[in-house]
Amino acid sequence: MNVLIIEDESLTAKRLEGMLAKYDPAIRVLAQLPSVADTVVWLSQPDAPALDLIFMDIHLEDDIGFRIFEQTHLQTPVIFTTAYDEYMVQAFKVNSIDYLLKPINYSELVAAIDKFKALKEQFGSGTPARNPDLDTLLQLLGPARQTTYKDRFMITVGTKIRSIDTADIAYFYLEERIVFLVTQDNLTLPVDYSLEKLAQLLDPRRFFRISRQFLVSLPAIQTIHQFSAGKLKLDLLPRPRPERNAAQVFVSGDRMTDFKEWLGK
């Protein structure tokens, strides 16, 4: 089975590819594409290989995944993935093979692929792609993007799974290509999102991307110090660990004006 993964989070894409290999080592992931533009180019190749199934993130790095249907004649069955809450998934459920809520659960992935295989067996090579009703989906998605933000994170560490409320998170930081969240009670856990994606998923009234390394919540900022050359240094609570080389937290120069406006909102 030939599969295409359309996902702008590289760690999520690799994790999905690993689960697909676990499900069936014969599955071939032909490409991992992060954007609408890249996907349209890939699908428009004259010699593009035949696809059996596509896994598509709803929010890509340049636009909404549904735009791909507007720019191509895509007929391949699609399983959508999303970071939105359950009710959004249910609202879209009837428009595709299936929807998977991030972070993707292996048993739900298995059920989705089994559903695809059952439809393929029923309809043969004419498996219905069941492309989404774009107008309806975009109408549903538009208000959700404006008013709905991620309110919890499911974190897996080893064999343990924890649910962390967004309201309990003080800040996120990047270290050696891994993003960690730090809770108000100083618990540090890895998350399967980039800071760029987190900035899209979190309420901008509460969280601000101050630099390439930090995304902070307003309650975590204890003191703001003015340095020479207009630099701003933040004291965060909990304090970043010195051994992680993050004890000094500065606002990037190109974010200074936006940061001050954010503080005044």
C-alpha atoms as a PDB file:
ATOM      1  CA  MET A   1       0.000   0.000   0.000  1.00  0.00           C
ATOM      2  CA  ASN A   2       1.381   3.405  -1.051  1.00  0.00           C
ATOM      3  CA  VAL A   3       0.799   6.185   1.474  1.00  0.00           C
ATOM      4  CA  LEU A   4       1.390   9.952   1.488  1.00  0.00           C
ATOM      5  CA  ILE A   5       1.771  11.862   4.772  1.00  0.00           C
ATOM      6  CA  ILE A   6       0.885  15.566   4.621  1.00  0.00           C
ATOM      7  CA  GLU A   7       2.028  16.981   7.968  1.00  0.00           C
ATOM      8  CA  ASP A   8       4.056  20.062   8.935  1.00  0.00           C
ATOM      9  CA  GLU A   9       5.328  18.618  12.224  1.00  0.00           C
ATOM     10  CA  SER A  10       8.316  16.438  11.326  1.00  0.00           C
ATOM     11  CA  LEU A  11       8.256  14.548  14.632  1.00  0.00           C
ATOM     12  CA  THR A  12       4.551  13.794  14.230  1.00  0.00           C
ATOM     13  CA  ALA A  13       5.123  12.632  10.642  1.00  0.00           C
ATOM     14  CA  LYS A  14       7.984  10.341  11.679  1.00  0.00           C
ATOM     15  CA  ARG A  15       5.934   8.959  14.560  1.00  0.00           C
ATOM     16  CA  LEU A  16       3.034   8.243  12.202  1.00  0.00           C
ATOM     17  CA  GLU A  17       5.372   6.541   9.738  1.00  0.00           C
ATOM     18  CA  GLY A  18       6.685   4.371  12.563  1.00  0.00           C
ATOM     19  CA  MET A  19       3.162   3.335  13.575  1.00  0.00           C
ATOM     20  CA  LEU A  20       2.324   2.506   9.961  1.00  0.00           C
ATOM     21  CA  ALA A  21       5.410   0.282   9.781  1.00  0.00           C
ATOM     22  CA  LYS A  22       4.304  -1.408  12.985  1.00  0.00           C
ATOM     23  CA  TYR A  23       0.844  -2.007  11.517  1.00  0.00           C
ATOM     24  CA  ASP A  24       2.220  -3.383   8.251  1.00  0.00           C
ATOM     25  CA  PRO A  25       5.919  -3.304   7.236  1.00  0.00           C
ATOM     26  CA  ALA A  26       4.823  -3.495   3.600  1.00  0.00           C
ATOM     27  CA  ILE A  27       3.273  -0.006   3.724  1.00  0.00           C
ATOM     28  CA  ARG A  28       5.379   2.431   1.677  1.00  0.00           C
ATOM     29  CA  VAL A  29       5.385   6.087   2.722  1.00  0.00           C
ATOM     30  CA  LEU A  30       6.237   7.782  -0.563  1.00  0.00           C
ATOM     31  CA  ALA A  31       6.705  11.276   0.875  1.00  0.00           C
ATOM     32  CA  GLN A  32       6.213  13.500   3.916  1.00  0.00           C
ATOM     33  CA  LEU A  33       5.053  16.966   2.826  1.00  0.00           C
ATOM     34  CA  PRO A  34       4.696  19.984   5.179  1.00  0.00           C
ATOM     35  CA  SER A  35       2.572  22.396   3.142  1.00  0.00           C
ATOM     36  CA  VAL A  36      -0.272  22.877   0.700  1.00  0.00           C
ATOM     37  CA  ALA A  37       2.152  24.238  -1.899  1.00  0.00           C
ATOM     38  CA  ASP A  38       4.537  21.282  -1.665  1.00  0.00           C
ATOM     39  CA  THR A  39       1.651  18.833  -1.837  1.00  0.00           C
ATOM     40  CA  VAL A  40       0.097  20.454  -4.903  1.00  0.00           C
ATOM     41  CA  VAL A  41       3.477  20.312  -6.684  1.00  0.00           C
ATOM     42  CA  TRP A  42       4.000  16.667  -5.680  1.00  0.00           C
ATOM     43  CA  LEU A  43       0.514  15.582  -6.769  1.00  0.00           C
ATOM     44  CA  SER A  44       0.804  17.502 -10.048  1.00  0.00           C
ATOM     45  CA  GLN A  45       3.874  15.601 -11.228  1.00  0.00           C
ATOM     46  CA  PRO A  46       3.173  13.888 -14.564  1.00  0.00           C
ATOM     47  CA  ASP A  47       4.812  10.741 -13.244  1.00  0.00           C
ATOM     48  CA  ALA A  48       3.454  10.943  -9.690  1.00  0.00           C
ATOM     49  CA  PRO A  49       3.183   7.395  -8.292  1.00  0.00           C
ATOM     50  CA  ALA A  50      -0.232   5.906  -7.601  1.00  0.00           C
ATOM     51  CA  LEU A  51      -1.487   6.407  -4.045  1.00  0.00           C
ATOM     52  CA  ASP A  52      -3.750   4.180  -1.996  1.00  0.00           C
ATOM     53  CA  LEU A  53      -4.244   6.391   1.069  1.00  0.00           C
ATOM     54  CA  ILE A  54      -3.356   9.872   2.339  1.00  0.00           C
ATOM     55  CA  PHE A  55      -2.927  11.076   5.926  1.00  0.00           C
ATOM     56  CA  MET A  56      -3.516  14.827   5.965  1.00  0.00           C
ATOM     57  CA  ASP A  57      -3.086  17.350   8.762  1.00  0.00           C
ATOM     58  CA  ILE A  58      -5.824  19.990   8.735  1.00  0.00           C
ATOM     59  CA  HIS A  59      -3.480  22.885   9.572  1.00  0.00           C
ATOM     60  CA  LEU A  60      -0.327  22.969   7.489  1.00  0.00           C
ATOM     61  CA  GLU A  61       2.525  25.463   7.571  1.00  0.00           C
ATOM     62  CA  ASP A  62       1.090  27.662   4.807  1.00  0.00           C
ATOM     63  CA  ASP A  63      -2.676  27.092   4.793  1.00  0.00           C
ATOM     64  CA  ILE A  64      -5.559  24.764   5.599  1.00  0.00           C
ATOM     65  CA  GLY A  65      -5.172  21.257   4.203  1.00  0.00           C
ATOM     66  CA  PHE A  66      -8.588  21.445   2.539  1.00  0.00           C
ATOM     67  CA  ARG A  67      -7.105  23.901   0.018  1.00  0.00           C
ATOM     68  CA  ILE A  68      -5.356  20.958  -1.599  1.00  0.00           C
ATOM     69  CA  PHE A  69      -8.720  19.734  -2.877  1.00  0.00           C
ATOM     70  CA  GLU A  70      -9.344  23.111  -4.493  1.00  0.00           C
ATOM     71  CA  GLN A  71      -6.047  23.026  -6.404  1.00  0.00           C
ATOM     72  CA  THR A  72      -5.893  19.378  -7.466  1.00  0.00           C
ATOM     73  CA  HIS A  73      -8.171  16.633  -8.699  1.00  0.00           C
ATOM     74  CA  LEU A  74      -7.426  14.482  -5.691  1.00  0.00           C
ATOM     75  CA  GLN A  75      -9.425  11.264  -5.633  1.00  0.00           C
ATOM     76  CA  THR A  76      -7.345   9.286  -3.145  1.00  0.00           C
ATOM     77  CA  PRO A  77      -9.095   8.380   0.130  1.00  0.00           C
ATOM     78  CA  VAL A  78      -7.987  10.614   3.006  1.00  0.00           C
ATOM     79  CA  ILE A  79      -7.683  10.147   6.755  1.00  0.00           C
ATOM     80  CA  PHE A  80      -7.473  13.587   8.342  1.00  0.00           C
ATOM     81  CA  THR A  81      -5.537  14.382  11.500  1.00  0.00           C
ATOM     82  CA  THR A  82      -6.189  17.343  13.792  1.00  0.00           C
ATOM     83  CA  ALA A  83      -5.153  18.836  17.125  1.00  0.00           C
ATOM     84  CA  TYR A  84      -8.645  20.157  17.797  1.00  0.00           C
ATOM     85  CA  ASP A  85     -10.909  18.808  20.494  1.00  0.00           C
ATOM     86  CA  GLU A  86     -13.257  15.881  20.074  1.00  0.00           C
ATOM     87  CA  TYR A  87     -16.344  17.897  19.117  1.00  0.00           C
ATOM     88  CA  MET A  88     -14.559  19.324  16.063  1.00  0.00           C
ATOM     89  CA  VAL A  89     -13.594  15.820  14.974  1.00  0.00           C
ATOM     90  CA  GLN A  90     -17.201  14.675  15.267  1.00  0.00           C
ATOM     91  CA  ALA A  91     -18.367  17.659  13.216  1.00  0.00           C
ATOM     92  CA  PHE A  92     -16.143  16.522  10.322  1.00  0.00           C
ATOM     93  CA  LYS A  93     -16.545  12.776  10.798  1.00  0.00           C
ATOM     94  CA  VAL A  94     -18.946  12.109   7.936  1.00  0.00           C
ATOM     95  CA  ASN A  95     -16.806  13.793   5.287  1.00  0.00           C
ATOM     96  CA  SER A  96     -13.897  11.371   4.950  1.00  0.00           C
ATOM     97  CA  ILE A  97     -12.645   7.878   5.627  1.00  0.00           C
ATOM     98  CA  ASP A  98     -11.859   8.937   9.198  1.00  0.00           C
ATOM     99  CA  TYR A  99     -10.393  11.623  11.466  1.00  0.00           C
ATOM    100  CA  LEU A 100      -7.682  11.068  14.046  1.00  0.00           C
ATOM    101  CA  LEU A 101      -7.112  13.358  17.015  1.00  0.00           C
ATOM    102  CA  LYS A 102      -3.494  14.292  17.750  1.00  0.00           C
ATOM    103  CA  PRO A 103      -1.398  12.908  19.254  1.00  0.00           C
ATOM    104  CA  ILE A 104      -2.426   9.910  17.203  1.00  0.00           C
ATOM    105  CA  ASN A 105      -3.289   6.791  19.168  1.00  0.00           C
ATOM    106  CA  TYR A 106      -2.109   3.513  17.639  1.00  0.00           C
ATOM    107  CA  SER A 107      -5.360   1.638  18.252  1.00  0.00           C
ATOM    108  CA  GLU A 108      -7.351   4.450  16.601  1.00  0.00           C
ATOM    109  CA  LEU A 109      -4.941   4.403  13.663  1.00  0.00           C
ATOM    110  CA  VAL A 110      -5.477   0.665  13.278  1.00  0.00           C
ATOM    111  CA  ALA A 111      -9.254   1.149  13.358  1.00  0.00           C
ATOM    112  CA  ALA A 112      -9.042   3.873  10.693  1.00  0.00           C
ATOM    113  CA  ILE A 113      -6.928   1.746   8.341  1.00  0.00           C
ATOM    114  CA  ASP A 114      -9.182  -1.263   8.910  1.00  0.00           C
ATOM    115  CA  LYS A 115     -12.153   0.960   8.031  1.00  0.00           C
ATOM    116  CA  PHE A 116     -10.379   2.015   4.823  1.00  0.00           C
ATOM    117  CA  LYS A 117      -9.661  -1.624   3.928  1.00  0.00           C
ATOM    118  CA  ALA A 118     -13.270  -2.619   4.574  1.00  0.00           C
ATOM    119  CA  LEU A 119     -14.503   0.122   2.239  1.00  0.00           C
ATOM    120  CA  LYS A 120     -11.959  -0.896  -0.379  1.00  0.00           C
ATOM    121  CA  GLU A 121     -13.072  -4.507  -0.154  1.00  0.00           C
ATOM    122  CA  GLN A 122     -16.702  -3.453  -0.449  1.00  0.00           C
ATOM    123  CA  PHE A 123     -16.211  -1.132  -3.415  1.00  0.00           C
ATOM    124  CA  GLY A 124     -13.094  -2.679  -4.982  1.00  0.00           C
ATOM    125  CA  SER A 125     -10.890  -0.318  -6.962  1.00  0.00           C
ATOM    126  CA  GLY A 126     -13.717   2.202  -6.851  1.00  0.00           C
ATOM    127  CA  THR A 127     -13.267   2.915  -3.164  1.00  0.00           C
ATOM    128  CA  PRO A 128     -15.123   6.192  -2.594  1.00  0.00           C
ATOM    129  CA  ALA A 129     -12.721   9.020  -1.775  1.00  0.00           C
ATOM    130  CA  ARG A 130     -15.590  10.870  -0.107  1.00  0.00           C
ATOM    131  CA  ASN A 131     -13.886  14.208  -0.513  1.00  0.00           C
ATOM    132  CA  PRO A 132     -15.088  16.767   2.015  1.00  0.00           C
ATOM    133  CA  ASP A 133     -17.769  19.365   1.402  1.00  0.00           C
ATOM    134  CA  LEU A 134     -15.301  22.285   1.342  1.00  0.00           C
ATOM    135  CA  ASP A 135     -17.836  25.036   1.917  1.00  0.00           C
ATOM    136  CA  THR A 136     -19.273  23.300   4.965  1.00  0.00           C
ATOM    137  CA  LEU A 137     -15.875  22.387   6.406  1.00  0.00           C
ATOM    138  CA  LEU A 138     -14.409  25.859   5.939  1.00  0.00           C
ATOM    139  CA  GLN A 139     -17.472  27.423   7.549  1.00  0.00           C
ATOM    140  CA  LEU A 140     -17.054  25.118  10.537  1.00  0.00           C
ATOM    141  CA  LEU A 141     -13.297  25.584  10.664  1.00  0.00           C
ATOM    142  CA  GLY A 142     -13.316  29.379  10.382  1.00  0.00           C
ATOM    143  CA  PRO A 143     -15.085  30.099  13.698  1.00  0.00           C
ATOM    144  CA  ALA A 144     -13.124  27.322  15.390  1.00  0.00           C
ATOM    145  CA  ARG A 145      -9.808  28.908  14.407  1.00  0.00           C
ATOM    146  CA  GLN A 146     -10.954  32.215  15.841  1.00  0.00           C
ATOM    147  CA  THR A 147     -12.381  31.047  19.155  1.00  0.00           C
ATOM    148  CA  THR A 148     -11.125  27.544  19.937  1.00  0.00           C
ATOM    149  CA  TYR A 149      -7.655  26.965  21.352  1.00  0.00           C
ATOM    150  CA  LYS A 150      -5.995  23.863  22.698  1.00  0.00           C
ATOM    151  CA  ASP A 151      -6.921  23.451  26.351  1.00  0.00           C
ATOM    152  CA  ARG A 152      -4.932  20.325  27.242  1.00  0.00           C
ATOM    153  CA  PHE A 153      -1.959  18.247  26.134  1.00  0.00           C
ATOM    154  CA  MET A 154      -1.628  14.483  26.318  1.00  0.00           C
ATOM    155  CA  ILE A 155       1.997  13.699  27.139  1.00  0.00           C
ATOM    156  CA  THR A 156       3.533  10.245  26.807  1.00  0.00           C
ATOM    157  CA  VAL A 157       6.748   9.527  28.712  1.00  0.00           C
ATOM    158  CA  GLY A 158       7.820   5.913  28.532  1.00  0.00           C
ATOM    159  CA  THR A 159       4.783   3.833  29.467  1.00  0.00           C
ATOM    160  CA  LYS A 160       3.065   6.683  31.318  1.00  0.00           C
ATOM    161  CA  ILE A 161       0.473   9.045  29.867  1.00  0.00           C
ATOM    162  CA  ARG A 162      -0.414  12.379  31.458  1.00  0.00           C
ATOM    163  CA  SER A 163      -2.975  15.029  30.590  1.00  0.00           C
ATOM    164  CA  ILE A 164      -1.755  18.580  31.229  1.00  0.00           C
ATOM    165  CA  ASP A 165      -4.208  21.498  31.242  1.00  0.00           C
ATOM    166  CA  THR A 166      -2.980  24.466  29.226  1.00  0.00           C
ATOM    167  CA  ALA A 167      -3.906  26.730  32.125  1.00  0.00           C
ATOM    168  CA  ASP A 168      -1.243  24.945  34.222  1.00  0.00           C
ATOM    169  CA  ILE A 169       1.577  25.585  31.719  1.00  0.00           C
ATOM    170  CA  ALA A 170       4.032  28.391  32.486  1.00  0.00           C
ATOM    171  CA  TYR A 171       6.047  28.280  29.271  1.00  0.00           C
ATOM    172  CA  PHE A 172       7.483  26.178  26.449  1.00  0.00           C
ATOM    173  CA  TYR A 173      11.119  26.142  25.384  1.00  0.00           C
ATOM    174  CA  LEU A 174      13.213  24.601  22.637  1.00  0.00           C
ATOM    175  CA  GLU A 175      16.379  22.665  23.371  1.00  0.00           C
ATOM    176  CA  GLU A 176      18.324  20.522  20.895  1.00  0.00           C
ATOM    177  CA  ARG A 177      15.350  20.377  18.504  1.00  0.00           C
ATOM    178  CA  ILE A 178      12.989  19.119  21.226  1.00  0.00           C
ATOM    179  CA  VAL A 179      10.229  21.292  22.682  1.00  0.00           C
ATOM    180  CA  PHE A 180       9.469  21.034  26.392  1.00  0.00           C
ATOM    181  CA  LEU A 181       6.637  22.434  28.451  1.00  0.00           C
ATOM    182  CA  VAL A 182       7.147  23.612  32.017  1.00  0.00           C
ATOM    183  CA  THR A 183       4.175  23.629  34.359  1.00  0.00           C
ATOM    184  CA  GLN A 184       3.551  26.141  37.107  1.00  0.00           C
ATOM    185  CA  ASP A 185       4.654  23.546  39.662  1.00  0.00           C
ATOM    186  CA  ASN A 186       7.962  23.099  37.767  1.00  0.00           C
ATOM    187  CA  LEU A 187       7.264  19.833  35.965  1.00  0.00           C
ATOM    188  CA  THR A 188       9.160  19.588  32.654  1.00  0.00           C
ATOM    189  CA  LEU A 189       7.813  17.333  29.896  1.00  0.00           C
ATOM    190  CA  PRO A 190       8.498  16.932  26.147  1.00  0.00           C
ATOM    191  CA  VAL A 191       5.741  17.784  23.667  1.00  0.00           C
ATOM    192  CA  ASP A 192       5.289  16.628  20.085  1.00  0.00           C
ATOM    193  CA  TYR A 193       4.809  20.119  18.632  1.00  0.00           C
ATOM    194  CA  SER A 194       7.117  22.830  17.328  1.00  0.00           C
ATOM    195  CA  LEU A 195       6.961  26.299  18.860  1.00  0.00           C
ATOM    196  CA  GLU A 196       5.547  27.528  15.540  1.00  0.00           C
ATOM    197  CA  LYS A 197       2.603  25.131  15.745  1.00  0.00           C
ATOM    198  CA  LEU A 198       2.064  25.843  19.441  1.00  0.00           C
ATOM    199  CA  ALA A 199       1.785  29.550  18.669  1.00  0.00           C
ATOM    200  CA  GLN A 200      -1.133  28.656  16.367  1.00  0.00           C
ATOM    201  CA  LEU A 201      -2.846  26.313  18.822  1.00  0.00           C
ATOM    202  CA  LEU A 202      -2.625  28.440  21.976  1.00  0.00           C
ATOM    203  CA  ASP A 203      -4.665  31.478  22.979  1.00  0.00           C
ATOM    204  CA  PRO A 204      -2.595  34.518  21.875  1.00  0.00           C
ATOM    205  CA  ARG A 205      -4.010  36.543  24.748  1.00  0.00           C
ATOM    206  CA  ARG A 206      -2.257  34.217  27.186  1.00  0.00           C
ATOM    207  CA  PHE A 207       0.861  33.011  25.312  1.00  0.00           C
ATOM    208  CA  PHE A 208       3.520  34.934  23.368  1.00  0.00           C
ATOM    209  CA  ARG A 209       6.525  33.733  21.350  1.00  0.00           C
ATOM    210  CA  ILE A 210       9.288  35.957  22.758  1.00  0.00           C
ATOM    211  CA  SER A 211      12.165  34.320  20.864  1.00  0.00           C
ATOM    212  CA  ARG A 212      13.156  31.313  18.805  1.00  0.00           C
ATOM    213  CA  GLN A 213      13.620  29.422  22.068  1.00  0.00           C
ATOM    214  CA  PHE A 214      10.728  30.504  24.305  1.00  0.00           C
ATOM    215  CA  LEU A 215       6.925  30.694  24.191  1.00  0.00           C
ATOM    216  CA  VAL A 216       5.729  32.093  27.514  1.00  0.00           C
ATOM    217  CA  SER A 217       2.441  32.573  29.315  1.00  0.00           C
ATOM    218  CA  LEU A 218       1.589  35.945  30.831  1.00  0.00           C
ATOM    219  CA  PRO A 219       1.291  34.619  34.435  1.00  0.00           C
ATOM    220  CA  ALA A 220       4.821  33.140  34.192  1.00  0.00           C
ATOM    221  CA  ILE A 221       6.404  36.581  33.702  1.00  0.00           C
ATOM    222  CA  GLN A 222       7.430  37.855  37.125  1.00  0.00           C
ATOM    223  CA  THR A 223       9.699  40.796  36.263  1.00  0.00           C
ATOM    224  CA  ILE A 224      10.800  42.599  33.096  1.00  0.00           C
ATOM    225  CA  HIS A 225      14.248  44.231  33.103  1.00  0.00           C
ATOM    226  CA  GLN A 226      15.438  46.836  30.596  1.00  0.00           C
ATOM    227  CA  PHE A 227      18.960  46.243  29.355  1.00  0.00           C
ATOM    228  CA  SER A 228      21.250  48.350  27.203  1.00  0.00           C
ATOM    229  CA  ALA A 229      20.392  48.721  23.529  1.00  0.00           C
ATOM    230  CA  GLY A 230      16.739  48.368  24.424  1.00  0.00           C
ATOM    231  CA  LYS A 231      16.943  44.699  25.358  1.00  0.00           C
ATOM    232  CA  LEU A 232      14.317  43.200  27.629  1.00  0.00           C
ATOM    233  CA  LYS A 233      15.160  40.393  30.042  1.00  0.00           C
ATOM    234  CA  LEU A 234      12.399  38.354  31.685  1.00  0.00           C
ATOM    235  CA  ASP A 235      12.329  36.652  35.060  1.00  0.00           C
ATOM    236  CA  LEU A 236      10.115  33.603  34.652  1.00  0.00           C
ATOM    237  CA  LEU A 237       8.503  31.486  37.322  1.00  0.00           C
ATOM    238  CA  PRO A 238       9.409  28.675  37.588  1.00  0.00           C
ATOM    239  CA  ARG A 239      12.950  29.762  36.826  1.00  0.00           C
ATOM    240  CA  PRO A 240      14.556  28.033  33.813  1.00  0.00           C
ATOM    241  CA  ARG A 241      17.170  25.535  34.882  1.00  0.00           C
ATOM    242  CA  PRO A 242      20.752  26.860  34.557  1.00  0.00           C
ATOM    243  CA  GLU A 243      22.015  23.479  33.421  1.00  0.00           C
ATOM    244  CA  ARG A 244      19.746  23.775  30.387  1.00  0.00           C
ATOM    245  CA  ASN A 245      21.584  26.939  29.351  1.00  0.00           C
ATOM    246  CA  ALA A 246      18.335  28.891  29.502  1.00  0.00           C
ATOM    247  CA  ALA A 247      18.674  30.865  32.734  1.00  0.00           C
ATOM    248  CA  GLN A 248      18.863  34.153  30.793  1.00  0.00           C
ATOM    249  CA  VAL A 249      15.577  34.786  28.972  1.00  0.00           C
ATOM    250  CA  PHE A 250      15.492  37.717  26.551  1.00  0.00           C
ATOM    251  CA  VAL A 251      12.852  39.071  24.182  1.00  0.00           C
ATOM    252  CA  SER A 252      14.149  39.031  20.610  1.00  0.00           C
ATOM    253  CA  GLY A 253      14.667  42.457  19.067  1.00  0.00           C
ATOM    254  CA  ASP A 254      12.286  41.780  16.185  1.00  0.00           C
ATOM    255  CA  ARG A 255       9.542  40.833  18.664  1.00  0.00           C
ATOM    256  CA  MET A 256      10.019  43.758  21.043  1.00  0.00           C
ATOM    257  CA  THR A 257       7.267  46.023  19.700  1.00  0.00           C
ATOM    258  CA  ASP A 258       4.711  43.213  19.436  1.00  0.00           C
ATOM    259  CA  PHE A 259       5.644  42.027  22.923  1.00  0.00           C
ATOM    260  CA  LYS A 260       5.007  45.452  24.447  1.00  0.00           C
ATOM    261  CA  GLU A 261       1.682  45.688  22.644  1.00  0.00           C
ATOM    262  CA  TRP A 262       0.775  42.221  23.919  1.00  0.00           C
ATOM    263  CA  LEU A 263       1.556  43.274  27.498  1.00  0.00           C
ATOM    264  CA  GLY A 264      -0.775  46.238  27.159  1.00  0.00           C
ATOM    265  CA  LYS A 265      -3.772  44.317  25.835  1.00  0.00           C
END
